[in-house]
Amino acid sequence: METQSLERTAHLPQVTEPRNPGMELDLDWVRAVQANTSAIERRAATLPGRRSVKKDYQAAWLLKAITMIDLTTLSGDDTAGRVRRLCAKARQPVAPALLEAMGMGPITTGAVCVYHDMVATAVEALKGTGIPVAAVSTGFPAGLSPFHLRVAEIGESVAAGAEEIDIVISRRHVLTGDWQALYDEMKAFREACGHAHVKAILATGELGSLRNVARASLVCMMAGADFIKTSTGKESVNATLPVSLVMIRAIRDYYDRTGYRVGYKPAGGISKAKDALVYLSLMKDELGDRWLQPDLFRFGASSLLGDIERQLEHHVTGAYSAGYRHAMG
């Protein structure tokens, strides 16, 4: 286990795994990866109906989902006040009265995710909570700024206190099959992150095929990614179940080959509590209970929490509340 890494993140209770150190690029393995699109889509289509939880069990799963949300604001009109309100929501995502009615103690979200300019504000607002701040980086969302500026941006966010960095890959490397270039880029980003954990955003809606998604997932893990993430949330197509199935199975293959667990983060378009339950059941089916923890699974979402709160209030009171009762700040 990487002792130094764990010491630096000892205040984060969800960090329990040794970090993925990466490995040499294995092009034979990468090129051998295929994706049976029709079979993947058939399997994904069955997921919403395969697992159904009700009553107390559903409430328990939804509470778990909250602890794995990267509560996010990535808008051009973000202000310090908005970020502080979001951080307050991360510290207390569910009304204490609802938690008490369910016999639960306090919970928090998994992290707060912001642009670099808001990192210092979020770090200050979350001081002493153990909730990490994640910063989107490397020319998010397109990833087309000069390479040295993308690397420098990572360093600036880490220096400002970000414990997690969500980087975007260069899609052109995937679309042209330049796996060495993708590996080298991801490796440089990992090194620039230092002790901060790195989530590699694949922007799967722009990669062209499920096979490309599988190969890109594998290359990023070989280069040392701590998480692989579907989307920036800015693409026309974001997280989907077929894409998730492909990425999760790539994670399983990497773990079987190396013994290192890599996390997974679906992001973009996940706004309903029922969708969160489907993703959690998929993780449990494909990877097992160990991946149902905040250090290995996150939702990238801004509106999901509100719908989960409404479902929890219905569970406790028997009535749905108005959406304005569960504002983000």
Protein backbone atom coordinates (compact mmCIF):
# COMPACT_ATOMS: atom_id res chain seq x y z
CA MET A 1 0.00 0.00 0.00
CA GLU A 2 1.20 3.50 -0.79
CA THR A 3 1.77 4.76 2.75
CA GLN A 4 2.64 8.30 1.74
CA SER A 5 -0.53 8.64 -0.33
CA LEU A 6 -2.72 7.39 2.51
CA GLU A 7 -1.05 9.70 5.01
CA ARG A 8 -1.80 12.72 2.85
CA THR A 9 -5.43 11.78 2.50
CA ALA A 10 -5.95 10.36 5.99
CA HIS A 11 -8.68 12.94 6.66
CA LEU A 12 -10.78 11.40 3.88
CA PRO A 13 -12.60 8.46 5.49
CA GLN A 14 -13.54 6.97 2.12
CA VAL A 15 -9.92 6.46 1.00
CA THR A 16 -9.10 2.88 1.88
CA GLU A 17 -7.60 1.35 -1.27
CA PRO A 18 -4.01 1.54 -2.50
CA ARG A 19 -3.91 3.86 -5.50
CA ASN A 20 -3.68 2.43 -8.96
CA PRO A 21 0.00 2.91 -9.91
CA GLY A 22 -0.62 2.09 -13.54
CA MET A 23 1.48 -0.19 -15.72
CA GLU A 24 3.34 -0.19 -19.00
CA LEU A 25 1.14 0.31 -22.02
CA ASP A 26 0.15 -3.14 -23.30
CA LEU A 27 -0.93 -2.54 -26.89
CA ASP A 28 -1.63 -6.23 -27.49
CA TRP A 29 -4.19 -6.15 -24.69
CA VAL A 30 -5.70 -2.88 -25.90
CA ARG A 31 -6.04 -4.04 -29.52
CA ALA A 32 -7.55 -7.35 -28.45
CA VAL A 33 -10.45 -5.57 -26.71
CA GLN A 34 -13.74 -5.85 -28.57
CA ALA A 35 -17.32 -4.84 -27.77
CA ASN A 36 -20.38 -6.78 -28.91
CA THR A 37 -22.71 -3.82 -29.25
CA SER A 38 -25.96 -5.76 -29.72
CA ALA A 39 -25.28 -8.01 -26.72
CA ILE A 40 -24.29 -5.03 -24.56
CA GLU A 41 -27.44 -3.13 -25.50
CA ARG A 42 -29.63 -6.18 -24.79
CA ARG A 43 -28.07 -6.61 -21.36
CA ALA A 44 -28.41 -2.90 -20.58
CA ALA A 45 -32.07 -2.91 -21.65
CA THR A 46 -32.89 -5.55 -19.02
CA LEU A 47 -31.29 -3.67 -16.13
CA PRO A 48 -34.15 -1.35 -15.07
CA GLY A 49 -36.51 -4.32 -14.62
CA ARG A 50 -34.10 -6.80 -13.07
CA ARG A 51 -33.72 -5.19 -9.65
CA SER A 52 -36.57 -3.59 -7.75
CA VAL A 53 -36.30 -2.48 -4.14
CA LYS A 54 -39.16 -1.04 -2.12
CA LYS A 55 -39.93 0.65 1.18
CA ASP A 56 -37.13 0.53 3.78
CA TYR A 57 -34.75 -1.18 1.36
CA GLN A 58 -35.25 1.52 -1.24
CA ALA A 59 -34.70 4.26 1.35
CA ALA A 60 -31.47 2.59 2.46
CA TRP A 61 -30.16 2.39 -1.10
CA LEU A 62 -31.07 6.01 -1.75
CA LEU A 63 -29.26 7.15 1.38
CA LYS A 64 -26.21 5.25 0.18
CA ALA A 65 -26.51 6.94 -3.20
CA ILE A 66 -26.35 10.35 -1.52
CA THR A 67 -23.00 9.49 0.06
CA MET A 68 -21.64 8.80 -3.43
CA ILE A 69 -22.74 12.03 -5.14
CA ASP A 70 -20.17 14.54 -6.38
CA LEU A 71 -22.43 17.55 -5.83
CA THR A 72 -21.57 19.72 -8.80
CA THR A 73 -21.86 23.26 -10.11
CA LEU A 74 -20.14 24.00 -13.41
CA SER A 75 -21.88 27.08 -14.74
CA GLY A 76 -20.49 30.25 -16.22
CA ASP A 77 -22.48 32.26 -13.69
CA ASP A 78 -21.13 30.47 -10.60
CA THR A 79 -20.44 32.79 -7.70
CA ALA A 80 -18.75 32.37 -4.33
CA GLY A 81 -22.16 32.57 -2.68
CA ARG A 82 -23.58 29.78 -4.83
CA VAL A 83 -20.59 27.53 -4.10
CA ARG A 84 -20.86 28.16 -0.35
CA ARG A 85 -24.55 27.25 -0.46
CA LEU A 86 -23.72 24.09 -2.41
CA CYS A 87 -21.11 23.17 0.20
CA ALA A 88 -23.67 23.69 2.96
CA LYS A 89 -25.94 21.29 1.10
CA ALA A 90 -23.09 18.77 0.82
CA ARG A 91 -22.57 18.95 4.58
CA GLN A 92 -26.27 18.40 5.28
CA PRO A 93 -27.87 16.92 2.15
CA VAL A 94 -31.01 15.64 3.90
CA ALA A 95 -33.19 17.38 6.48
CA PRO A 96 -32.26 16.17 10.00
CA ALA A 97 -35.92 15.43 10.76
CA LEU A 98 -36.08 12.96 7.85
CA LEU A 99 -32.88 11.25 8.92
CA GLU A 100 -34.12 10.99 12.49
CA ALA A 101 -37.42 9.48 11.32
CA MET A 102 -35.44 6.80 9.47
CA GLY A 103 -33.14 6.13 12.41
CA MET A 104 -30.15 7.56 10.60
CA GLY A 105 -27.32 9.76 11.81
CA PRO A 106 -25.79 12.59 9.76
CA ILE A 107 -24.52 11.85 6.25
CA THR A 108 -22.70 13.91 3.64
CA THR A 109 -22.24 13.78 -0.11
CA GLY A 110 -19.09 12.18 -1.52
CA ALA A 111 -17.50 15.43 -2.74
CA VAL A 112 -18.17 18.88 -4.16
CA CYS A 113 -17.07 19.48 -7.76
CA VAL A 114 -16.34 22.99 -9.10
CA TYR A 115 -14.25 24.93 -11.58
CA HIS A 116 -10.72 25.92 -10.54
CA ASP A 117 -11.66 29.50 -9.65
CA MET A 118 -14.06 28.19 -7.00
CA VAL A 119 -11.73 25.62 -5.40
CA ALA A 120 -10.46 27.90 -2.62
CA THR A 121 -14.01 28.97 -1.74
CA ALA A 122 -15.18 25.35 -1.56
CA VAL A 123 -12.15 24.24 0.48
CA GLU A 124 -12.82 26.97 3.03
CA ALA A 125 -16.52 26.15 3.20
CA LEU A 126 -15.82 22.44 3.76
CA LYS A 127 -12.99 22.83 6.25
CA GLY A 128 -13.10 20.15 8.94
CA THR A 129 -15.80 18.06 7.26
CA GLY A 130 -13.64 15.50 5.45
CA ILE A 131 -15.61 16.19 2.26
CA PRO A 132 -13.10 16.50 -0.60
CA VAL A 133 -13.20 19.20 -3.24
CA ALA A 134 -12.94 18.02 -6.84
CA ALA A 135 -11.87 20.40 -9.60
CA VAL A 136 -12.53 19.92 -13.31
CA SER A 137 -9.34 20.58 -15.23
CA THR A 138 -7.26 20.28 -18.41
CA GLY A 139 -9.33 22.64 -20.51
CA PHE A 140 -12.69 21.24 -19.39
CA PRO A 141 -14.93 20.41 -21.18
CA ALA A 142 -13.27 20.23 -24.64
CA GLY A 143 -9.69 19.57 -23.52
CA LEU A 144 -8.28 21.54 -26.44
CA SER A 145 -6.15 24.16 -24.68
CA PRO A 146 -2.33 23.93 -25.04
CA PHE A 147 -0.91 20.88 -23.29
CA HIS A 148 1.40 22.81 -20.95
CA LEU A 149 -1.53 24.94 -19.80
CA ARG A 150 -3.62 21.85 -19.10
CA VAL A 151 -0.84 20.40 -16.93
CA ALA A 152 -0.34 23.74 -15.19
CA GLU A 153 -4.08 23.98 -14.49
CA ILE A 154 -3.91 20.70 -12.57
CA GLY A 155 -1.06 22.01 -10.44
CA GLU A 156 -2.94 25.22 -9.67
CA SER A 157 -6.01 23.33 -8.49
CA VAL A 158 -3.99 20.96 -6.31
CA ALA A 159 -2.14 23.92 -4.78
CA ALA A 160 -5.52 25.55 -4.04
CA GLY A 161 -6.59 22.49 -2.05
CA ALA A 162 -8.40 20.20 -4.48
CA GLU A 163 -8.09 16.58 -3.39
CA GLU A 164 -9.55 15.21 -6.62
CA ILE A 165 -8.99 16.33 -10.21
CA ASP A 166 -11.43 15.47 -13.01
CA ILE A 167 -9.40 15.68 -16.22
CA VAL A 168 -10.66 15.41 -19.81
CA ILE A 169 -8.80 13.34 -22.35
CA SER A 170 -8.08 14.38 -25.94
CA ARG A 171 -10.79 12.60 -27.88
CA ARG A 172 -8.76 12.76 -31.09
CA HIS A 173 -6.28 10.23 -29.68
CA VAL A 174 -9.10 7.70 -29.33
CA LEU A 175 -10.72 8.49 -32.67
CA THR A 176 -7.40 8.04 -34.50
CA GLY A 177 -6.32 5.01 -32.46
CA ASP A 178 -3.21 6.75 -31.13
CA TRP A 179 -3.13 4.81 -27.86
CA GLN A 180 0.46 5.75 -27.07
CA ALA A 181 -0.44 9.45 -27.20
CA LEU A 182 -3.46 8.89 -24.94
CA TYR A 183 -1.33 6.88 -22.49
CA ASP A 184 1.40 9.53 -22.39
CA GLU A 185 -1.13 12.31 -21.88
CA MET A 186 -2.94 10.49 -19.08
CA LYS A 187 0.34 9.57 -17.40
CA ALA A 188 1.46 13.23 -17.43
CA PHE A 189 -1.86 14.29 -15.91
CA ARG A 190 -1.56 11.62 -13.20
CA GLU A 191 1.93 12.81 -12.30
CA ALA A 192 0.79 16.45 -12.19
CA CYS A 193 -1.97 15.50 -9.73
CA GLY A 194 0.55 14.28 -7.15
CA HIS A 195 -1.35 13.13 -4.06
CA ALA A 196 -4.72 14.24 -5.49
CA HIS A 197 -6.80 11.46 -7.00
CA VAL A 198 -7.45 11.75 -10.73
CA LYS A 199 -10.68 10.95 -12.55
CA ALA A 200 -10.30 10.51 -16.31
CA ILE A 201 -13.31 11.86 -18.22
CA LEU A 202 -13.64 9.95 -21.48
CA ALA A 203 -16.49 12.02 -22.99
CA THR A 204 -17.94 8.73 -24.21
CA GLY A 205 -20.62 10.40 -26.33
CA GLU A 206 -17.86 11.67 -28.62
CA LEU A 207 -15.77 8.48 -28.95
CA GLY A 208 -17.69 6.91 -31.81
CA SER A 209 -18.15 3.32 -30.63
CA LEU A 210 -18.36 1.10 -27.56
CA ARG A 211 -15.12 -0.55 -28.61
CA ASN A 212 -13.38 2.81 -28.45
CA VAL A 213 -14.89 3.35 -25.00
CA ALA A 214 -13.52 0.01 -23.80
CA ARG A 215 -10.05 0.64 -25.21
CA ALA A 216 -9.86 4.20 -23.89
CA SER A 217 -10.94 2.98 -20.45
CA LEU A 218 -8.18 0.41 -20.40
CA VAL A 219 -5.46 2.81 -21.59
CA CYS A 220 -6.39 5.41 -18.96
CA MET A 221 -6.23 2.79 -16.23
CA MET A 222 -2.85 1.59 -17.51
CA ALA A 223 -1.64 5.20 -17.21
CA GLY A 224 -2.69 5.40 -13.57
CA ALA A 225 -6.24 6.79 -13.47
CA ASP A 226 -7.87 6.40 -10.05
CA PHE A 227 -11.34 6.69 -11.61
CA ILE A 228 -12.74 6.55 -15.10
CA LYS A 229 -15.72 8.82 -15.75
CA THR A 230 -18.22 8.83 -18.59
CA SER A 231 -18.82 12.45 -19.46
CA THR A 232 -18.32 16.11 -18.81
CA GLY A 233 -22.08 16.61 -18.75
CA LYS A 234 -21.68 19.07 -21.62
CA GLU A 235 -21.89 16.55 -24.49
CA SER A 236 -25.11 15.81 -26.36
CA VAL A 237 -24.94 12.20 -25.06
CA ASN A 238 -23.70 11.61 -21.52
CA ALA A 239 -23.89 8.60 -19.20
CA THR A 240 -25.82 5.63 -20.59
CA LEU A 241 -26.22 2.08 -19.36
CA PRO A 242 -24.46 0.44 -22.37
CA VAL A 243 -21.45 2.72 -21.93
CA SER A 244 -21.47 2.06 -18.19
CA LEU A 245 -21.53 -1.69 -18.72
CA VAL A 246 -18.51 -1.46 -21.05
CA MET A 247 -16.50 0.71 -18.66
CA ILE A 248 -17.37 -1.36 -15.61
CA ARG A 249 -16.27 -4.57 -17.33
CA ALA A 250 -13.02 -2.87 -18.33
CA ILE A 251 -12.50 -2.04 -14.65
CA ARG A 252 -13.16 -5.68 -13.75
CA ASP A 253 -10.69 -6.92 -16.36
CA TYR A 254 -8.05 -4.48 -15.12
CA TYR A 255 -8.57 -5.61 -11.52
CA ASP A 256 -8.34 -9.27 -12.52
CA ARG A 257 -5.06 -8.60 -14.35
CA THR A 258 -3.39 -6.21 -11.88
CA GLY A 259 -5.12 -6.53 -8.50
CA TYR A 260 -5.82 -2.76 -8.37
CA ARG A 261 -9.35 -1.42 -8.03
CA VAL A 262 -10.24 1.60 -10.15
CA GLY A 263 -13.33 3.67 -9.45
CA TYR A 264 -16.22 4.52 -11.75
CA LYS A 265 -18.17 7.77 -12.13
CA PRO A 266 -21.21 8.09 -14.41
CA ALA A 267 -21.98 11.76 -15.03
CA GLY A 268 -24.48 13.78 -17.00
CA GLY A 269 -28.19 13.12 -17.31
CA ILE A 270 -28.63 11.16 -14.07
CA SER A 271 -31.32 13.19 -12.32
CA LYS A 272 -33.87 10.68 -11.01
CA ALA A 273 -33.69 8.50 -7.91
CA LYS A 274 -34.84 5.46 -9.90
CA ASP A 275 -31.88 5.91 -12.26
CA ALA A 276 -29.48 5.97 -9.31
CA LEU A 277 -30.91 2.65 -8.12
CA VAL A 278 -30.31 1.09 -11.53
CA TYR A 279 -26.66 2.21 -11.56
CA LEU A 280 -26.11 0.92 -8.03
CA SER A 281 -27.60 -2.47 -8.93
CA LEU A 282 -25.38 -2.60 -12.02
CA MET A 283 -22.29 -1.98 -9.88
CA LYS A 284 -23.33 -4.65 -7.40
CA ASP A 285 -24.03 -7.20 -10.14
CA GLU A 286 -20.85 -6.59 -12.14
CA LEU A 287 -18.24 -5.62 -9.52
CA GLY A 288 -19.64 -6.55 -6.13
CA ASP A 289 -20.23 -4.76 -2.85
CA ARG A 290 -16.71 -3.34 -2.52
CA TRP A 291 -17.39 -0.93 -5.39
CA LEU A 292 -20.47 0.42 -3.59
CA GLN A 293 -18.37 2.82 -1.51
CA PRO A 294 -17.48 6.49 -2.15
CA ASP A 295 -13.81 5.73 -2.82
CA LEU A 296 -14.78 3.56 -5.82
CA PHE A 297 -18.09 4.92 -7.08
CA ARG A 298 -19.48 8.42 -7.56
CA PHE A 299 -22.40 10.03 -9.33
CA GLY A 300 -21.59 13.26 -11.14
CA ALA A 301 -24.82 15.15 -10.60
CA SER A 302 -26.38 18.46 -9.68
CA SER A 303 -30.11 17.67 -9.62
CA LEU A 304 -30.12 14.00 -8.52
CA LEU A 305 -30.03 14.88 -4.82
CA GLY A 306 -33.28 16.86 -5.02
CA ASP A 307 -35.23 13.92 -6.45
CA ILE A 308 -33.75 11.52 -3.89
CA GLU A 309 -34.86 13.89 -1.11
CA ARG A 310 -38.40 13.90 -2.49
CA GLN A 311 -38.46 10.11 -2.51
CA LEU A 312 -37.18 9.95 1.06
CA GLU A 313 -39.82 12.43 2.21
CA HIS A 314 -42.48 10.30 0.54
CA HIS A 315 -41.07 7.25 2.33
CA VAL A 316 -41.38 8.99 5.71
CA THR A 317 -44.60 10.99 5.27
CA GLY A 318 -46.49 9.23 2.48
CA ALA A 319 -46.63 12.43 0.44
CA TYR A 320 -44.39 13.98 -2.20
CA SER A 321 -43.08 17.43 -1.41
CA ALA A 322 -42.69 20.31 -3.85
CA GLY A 323 -39.34 20.55 -5.58
CA TYR A 324 -38.61 24.00 -4.11
CA ARG A 325 -38.43 22.43 -0.65
CA HIS A 326 -35.18 20.71 -1.68
CA ALA A 327 -33.15 23.48 -3.25
CA MET A 328 -29.41 23.02 -3.75
CA GLY A 329 -28.66 26.08 -1.63
